[in-house]
Every structure is written in C-alpha cells, then in structure tokens.
C-alpha cells in the first residue's frame, strides 16, 4: 500500500521540490497552497501518475480550509502517513518600528497559526486511523537561531515553530505520531535568488551568500519521512556549508 502525504506550500520552492520528490518516491501526495495554477505546475513537473496526486488550493491561515484539506486528502487516499508542514511567508525587511500591525499579523497567520492548524488536523487524523500514527515534519528556519536584520515577524514565528515541534513531539508519543523539524539555510529557490546579488549583513553591508541545491533539502525530508515511527529526527539543520550562519555577525 502506498504511503500518503500532505505538503503545504507545494506551489513553489522547497514545498514544490519536496512534493515532486515524494511523488517520484511512490507516495500519494496532496499538494496544498494558495494558487491552484502553481500546484498544477508542480504536478506537471513531477511527471507522476495523476491518480497519485490531489491538487488542493488552501489558505492555511483559515481553520475551516485546513480541516477541508485534511478531510479531502483522507477521503481520496484513505489515510495520512506524512505531513510536511511547510507553508510560510515573510514581511518586507523594514526597521521594526516601521512594520505595520497588518504585516506582522499576515506572517503570524501563516507561519505560526497555519502550522498549528495543520498540526492539529494531522493529529486528529493520525490518532483516528488504523494503524494509528504518522509523521509530521515542520519547516523551521535557521533564522530562529541567528536572525537576519529587520526580520522580527519571520524570526519570532520560526522560534514559535520550534516550540510547537517540541510540544507536539511530546504530545504525539502516545499515539505513534513522530514530530520533527528541519531548519534550512540558503536553499536555492526563487525566494533566495537575491542572495546571489547580495543581502544585508548585520555589520551593515551587502554580501553575496552561497546557496545549495534545493533537491538536497527534498532528499533530506524524504530520509526523515522514511524512518520507522519508533525513530525520529527531532531537529535537523541543513545549510549551505559556507553561508554566514555559524559566526554570523
């Protein structure tokens, strides 16, 4: 029987790479994201059996939409073995005192509330199914450990994701739900393309930063997903070797 997965933020970047990799590895995958056309593009790039994929446009900040996502995935594929809790967003890199409340809330709604809502629905499904259990991998960020300048909303939410991961890992033990996290630094996606031109450093100057192939991240997520449920990667840091993270600033 094929394993099944939900990938949020599957329309671009890391989510797209992970969704394609899971499909090619034989998973049945529900692709979730705000833009239906981008999700369809991901599916086309995977060149996978269309019966092994479900395109599910979803706003993860809306509780009712998230519940519908999980209900539709289970109705289509019968169960849920893996959630890659990946959808995220950022705010403009402006000084903290210039950030609007609306900009703050938009990041919190997706990066924190959205991750929580998906965790909650995954628990609901995984506790009820037979056999019980499954795996959840949250996409954190190395920014939670070493923030970039003018990144308060993103950094704060990624700190919170780490707390959610640890709490959910504890709460999932009794139900064979393994919860872990991957913190990624400078994967080569459209979001990080600016790093090739130079990004602001803590010392006030622009500097070009190395990036790594996003497929390396997708392969790492696949490795985490393939573990038996009695083993768990609670936290993995995966980064471009020469990026300014250790010793940043």
Protein backbone atom coordinates (compact mmCIF):
# COMPACT_ATOMS: atom_id res chain seq x y z
CA UNK A 1 0.00 0.00 0.00
CA UNK A 2 1.37 3.42 -0.99
CA UNK A 3 2.22 5.89 1.74
CA UNK A 4 0.35 9.18 1.66
CA UNK A 5 1.46 12.74 2.35
CA UNK A 6 0.23 16.31 2.52
CA UNK A 7 2.68 19.04 1.52
CA UNK A 8 1.71 22.65 2.25
CA UNK A 9 3.26 25.44 0.24
CA UNK A 10 3.66 22.93 -2.59
CA UNK A 11 3.37 25.51 -5.36
CA UNK A 12 6.95 26.77 -5.23
CA UNK A 13 10.39 26.49 -3.68
CA UNK A 14 11.07 23.90 -1.02
CA UNK A 15 7.47 22.69 -0.93
CA UNK A 16 7.48 22.08 -4.68
CA UNK A 17 10.79 20.18 -4.52
CA UNK A 18 9.58 18.01 -1.64
CA UNK A 19 6.22 17.27 -3.29
CA UNK A 20 7.92 16.21 -6.53
CA UNK A 21 10.43 14.05 -4.66
CA UNK A 22 7.71 12.30 -2.65
CA UNK A 23 5.65 11.64 -5.78
CA UNK A 24 8.68 10.18 -7.57
CA UNK A 25 9.39 8.04 -4.49
CA UNK A 26 5.94 6.47 -4.77
CA UNK A 27 3.91 8.50 -2.29
CA UNK A 28 0.36 9.63 -2.91
CA UNK A 29 0.63 13.37 -2.32
CA UNK A 30 -1.91 16.10 -1.61
CA UNK A 31 -0.46 19.37 -2.87
CA UNK A 32 -1.72 22.32 -0.85
CA UNK A 33 -1.13 26.01 -1.47
CA UNK A 34 -2.95 29.23 -2.25
CA UNK A 35 -2.50 29.18 -6.05
CA UNK A 36 -4.13 26.34 -7.97
CA UNK A 37 -2.13 27.01 -11.15
CA UNK A 38 1.18 26.79 -9.27
CA UNK A 39 0.12 23.48 -7.71
CA UNK A 40 -0.81 22.12 -11.14
CA UNK A 41 2.60 23.20 -12.40
CA UNK A 42 4.26 21.26 -9.59
CA UNK A 43 2.29 18.17 -10.55
CA UNK A 44 3.26 18.57 -14.21
CA UNK A 45 6.93 18.90 -13.28
CA UNK A 46 6.74 15.69 -11.26
CA UNK A 47 5.54 13.74 -14.32
CA UNK A 48 3.77 11.45 -11.86
CA UNK A 49 0.68 9.29 -12.10
CA UNK A 50 -2.15 11.84 -11.76
CA UNK A 51 -4.14 9.39 -9.65
CA UNK A 52 -1.37 9.61 -7.03
CA UNK A 53 -1.82 13.34 -6.55
CA UNK A 54 -4.53 15.67 -5.30
CA UNK A 55 -4.36 19.40 -6.02
CA UNK A 56 -5.99 21.21 -3.10
CA UNK A 57 -5.88 25.03 -3.11
CA UNK A 58 -5.81 26.02 0.57
CA UNK A 59 -5.26 29.07 2.76
CA UNK A 60 -3.61 27.51 5.82
CA UNK A 61 -4.47 30.54 7.97
CA UNK A 62 -8.20 29.62 7.80
CA UNK A 63 -9.28 26.83 10.21
CA UNK A 64 -12.18 25.67 8.06
CA UNK A 65 -9.98 25.49 4.95
CA UNK A 66 -7.37 23.41 6.76
CA UNK A 67 -9.97 20.94 8.02
CA UNK A 68 -11.37 20.61 4.49
CA UNK A 69 -7.85 19.96 3.19
CA UNK A 70 -7.28 17.06 5.56
CA UNK A 71 -10.77 15.64 5.08
CA UNK A 72 -10.35 15.70 1.31
CA UNK A 73 -6.91 14.07 1.49
CA UNK A 74 -8.20 11.23 3.66
CA UNK A 75 -11.31 10.79 1.53
CA UNK A 76 -9.08 10.49 -1.55
CA UNK A 77 -6.22 8.34 -0.26
CA UNK A 78 -7.65 6.62 2.82
CA UNK A 79 -5.13 7.74 5.45
CA UNK A 80 -2.30 10.17 6.19
CA UNK A 81 1.25 8.96 6.80
CA UNK A 82 3.16 12.24 6.44
CA UNK A 83 2.58 15.97 6.77
CA UNK A 84 5.31 18.30 5.52
CA UNK A 85 4.20 21.48 7.30
CA UNK A 86 5.98 23.91 5.02
CA UNK A 87 3.80 26.90 4.05
CA UNK A 88 5.36 30.17 5.14
CA UNK A 89 5.73 33.85 4.34
CA UNK A 90 7.77 36.88 5.31
CA UNK A 91 7.36 40.61 5.73
CA UNK A 92 9.27 43.40 3.98
CA UNK A 93 12.75 43.87 5.54
CA UNK A 94 11.98 47.24 7.10
CA UNK A 95 13.04 48.60 10.51
CA UNK A 96 10.97 47.08 13.30
CA UNK A 97 9.34 50.39 14.24
CA UNK A 98 8.15 50.85 10.65
CA UNK A 99 6.50 47.44 10.39
CA UNK A 100 2.70 47.64 10.31
CA UNK A 101 0.48 45.52 12.52
CA UNK A 102 -1.12 44.12 9.35
CA UNK A 103 2.29 42.99 8.08
CA UNK A 104 3.05 41.37 11.44
CA UNK A 105 -0.28 39.55 11.55
CA UNK A 106 -0.01 38.30 7.97
CA UNK A 107 3.24 36.48 8.84
CA UNK A 108 1.92 35.15 12.15
CA UNK A 109 -1.27 33.90 10.49
CA UNK A 110 0.64 31.70 8.05
CA UNK A 111 3.92 30.83 9.79
CA UNK A 112 2.51 30.15 13.24
CA UNK A 113 -1.27 29.79 13.19
CA UNK A 114 -1.16 27.91 9.88
CA UNK A 115 1.45 25.48 11.19
CA UNK A 116 -0.60 24.94 14.34
CA UNK A 117 -3.84 24.36 12.41
CA UNK A 118 -2.17 21.76 10.18
CA UNK A 119 -0.58 20.08 13.20
CA UNK A 120 -3.96 19.94 14.90
CA UNK A 121 -5.70 18.37 11.92
CA UNK A 122 -2.86 15.90 11.35
CA UNK A 123 -3.18 14.79 14.98
CA UNK A 124 -6.93 14.37 14.55
CA UNK A 125 -6.48 12.16 11.51
CA UNK A 126 -3.45 10.20 12.71
CA UNK A 127 -5.00 9.39 16.09
CA UNK A 128 -8.19 8.07 14.49
CA UNK A 129 -6.76 5.97 11.64
CA UNK A 130 -5.83 2.28 11.73
CA UNK A 131 -2.98 1.61 12.14
CA UNK A 132 -2.63 4.67 14.31
CA UNK A 133 0.11 7.24 13.92
CA UNK A 134 2.17 9.02 11.30
CA UNK A 135 4.93 11.58 10.86
CA UNK A 136 4.90 15.37 10.83
CA UNK A 137 7.89 17.40 9.64
CA UNK A 138 7.74 21.14 10.33
CA UNK A 139 9.79 23.55 8.25
CA UNK A 140 11.55 25.81 10.71
CA UNK A 141 14.45 28.11 9.88
CA UNK A 142 17.98 28.81 10.98
CA UNK A 143 16.75 32.39 11.37
CA UNK A 144 15.22 31.28 14.66
CA UNK A 145 18.77 30.77 15.93
CA UNK A 146 20.57 33.61 14.15
CA UNK A 147 18.17 36.22 12.73
CA UNK A 148 18.85 38.48 9.81
CA UNK A 149 18.45 42.28 10.13
CA UNK A 150 14.85 43.53 10.03
CA UNK A 151 13.25 40.08 10.25
CA UNK A 152 11.27 40.27 13.52
CA UNK A 153 7.99 38.66 12.33
CA UNK A 154 9.66 35.80 10.47
CA UNK A 155 12.19 35.13 13.23
CA UNK A 156 9.60 35.27 16.01
CA UNK A 157 7.29 32.82 14.23
CA UNK A 158 10.10 30.40 13.50
CA UNK A 159 11.08 30.43 17.19
CA UNK A 160 7.46 29.52 17.89
CA UNK A 161 7.53 26.69 15.35
CA UNK A 162 10.42 25.14 17.29
CA UNK A 163 8.29 25.24 20.45
CA UNK A 164 5.36 23.72 18.58
CA UNK A 165 7.57 20.94 17.26
CA UNK A 166 8.82 20.01 20.72
CA UNK A 167 5.37 20.18 22.30
CA UNK A 168 3.77 18.17 19.51
CA UNK A 169 6.56 15.61 19.64
CA UNK A 170 5.79 15.07 23.30
CA UNK A 171 2.02 15.04 22.83
CA UNK A 172 2.24 12.63 19.90
CA UNK A 173 4.22 9.92 21.69
CA UNK A 174 1.23 8.02 22.99
CA UNK A 175 -0.29 7.82 19.51
CA UNK A 176 2.79 6.86 17.42
CA UNK A 177 2.90 10.34 15.93
CA UNK A 178 6.53 11.34 15.33
CA UNK A 179 7.06 15.10 15.02
CA UNK A 180 10.33 16.65 13.86
CA UNK A 181 11.69 19.78 12.26
CA UNK A 182 14.12 20.78 9.54
CA UNK A 183 15.86 24.17 9.75
CA UNK A 184 17.08 25.17 6.30
CA UNK A 185 19.68 27.73 5.34
CA UNK A 186 20.03 29.16 1.82
CA UNK A 187 18.34 26.53 -0.33
CA UNK A 188 18.36 27.62 -3.96
CA UNK A 189 14.77 28.78 -4.63
CA UNK A 190 13.21 31.92 -6.13
CA UNK A 191 12.94 33.27 -2.58
CA UNK A 192 16.72 33.09 -2.10
CA UNK A 193 17.71 34.28 -5.59
CA UNK A 194 18.54 37.69 -4.12
CA UNK A 195 21.39 36.11 -2.15
CA UNK A 196 23.33 35.74 -5.40
CA UNK A 197 23.22 39.53 -5.79
CA UNK A 198 23.93 40.30 -2.13
CA UNK A 199 21.90 40.56 1.06
CA UNK A 200 22.24 42.85 4.05
CA UNK A 201 24.58 41.62 6.78
CA UNK A 202 24.48 42.56 10.49
CA UNK A 203 27.53 44.78 10.03
CA UNK A 204 25.56 46.95 7.60
CA UNK A 205 26.98 45.87 4.23
CA UNK A 206 25.66 43.76 1.37
CA UNK A 207 27.36 40.42 0.75
CA UNK A 208 26.78 37.58 -1.70
CA UNK A 209 25.90 34.34 0.11
CA UNK A 210 26.34 30.75 -1.06
CA UNK A 211 23.24 28.66 -1.73
CA UNK A 212 22.70 24.90 -2.06
CA UNK A 213 20.58 22.87 -4.46
CA UNK A 214 17.00 22.65 -3.17
CA UNK A 215 16.98 18.94 -4.13
CA UNK A 216 19.34 18.31 -1.20
CA UNK A 217 16.60 19.58 1.12
CA UNK A 218 13.95 17.43 -0.57
CA UNK A 219 16.17 14.36 -0.21
CA UNK A 220 16.68 15.12 3.49
CA UNK A 221 12.93 15.38 4.05
CA UNK A 222 12.46 12.07 2.22
CA UNK A 223 15.06 10.48 4.51
CA UNK A 224 13.28 11.80 7.62
CA UNK A 225 9.96 10.57 6.25
CA UNK A 226 11.29 7.07 5.56
CA UNK A 227 12.27 6.37 9.16
CA UNK A 228 10.17 3.88 11.13
CA UNK A 229 7.87 5.58 13.63
CA UNK A 230 9.96 4.37 16.56
CA UNK A 231 12.78 6.69 15.37
CA UNK A 232 12.60 10.43 14.87
CA UNK A 233 14.77 13.30 13.71
CA UNK A 234 13.60 15.91 16.21
CA UNK A 235 15.72 18.66 14.72
CA UNK A 236 17.91 18.84 11.61
CA UNK A 237 19.91 21.86 10.45
CA UNK A 238 20.69 21.75 6.74
CA UNK A 239 22.59 24.65 5.26
CA UNK A 240 24.88 25.81 2.50
CA UNK A 241 28.25 24.97 4.03
CA UNK A 242 29.84 28.38 3.55
CA UNK A 243 26.87 30.59 4.36
CA UNK A 244 27.28 33.06 7.25
CA UNK A 245 25.31 31.22 9.94
CA UNK A 246 27.87 29.94 12.44
CA UNK A 247 29.60 33.12 13.47
CA UNK A 248 27.02 35.30 11.75
CA UNK A 249 27.62 38.94 12.61
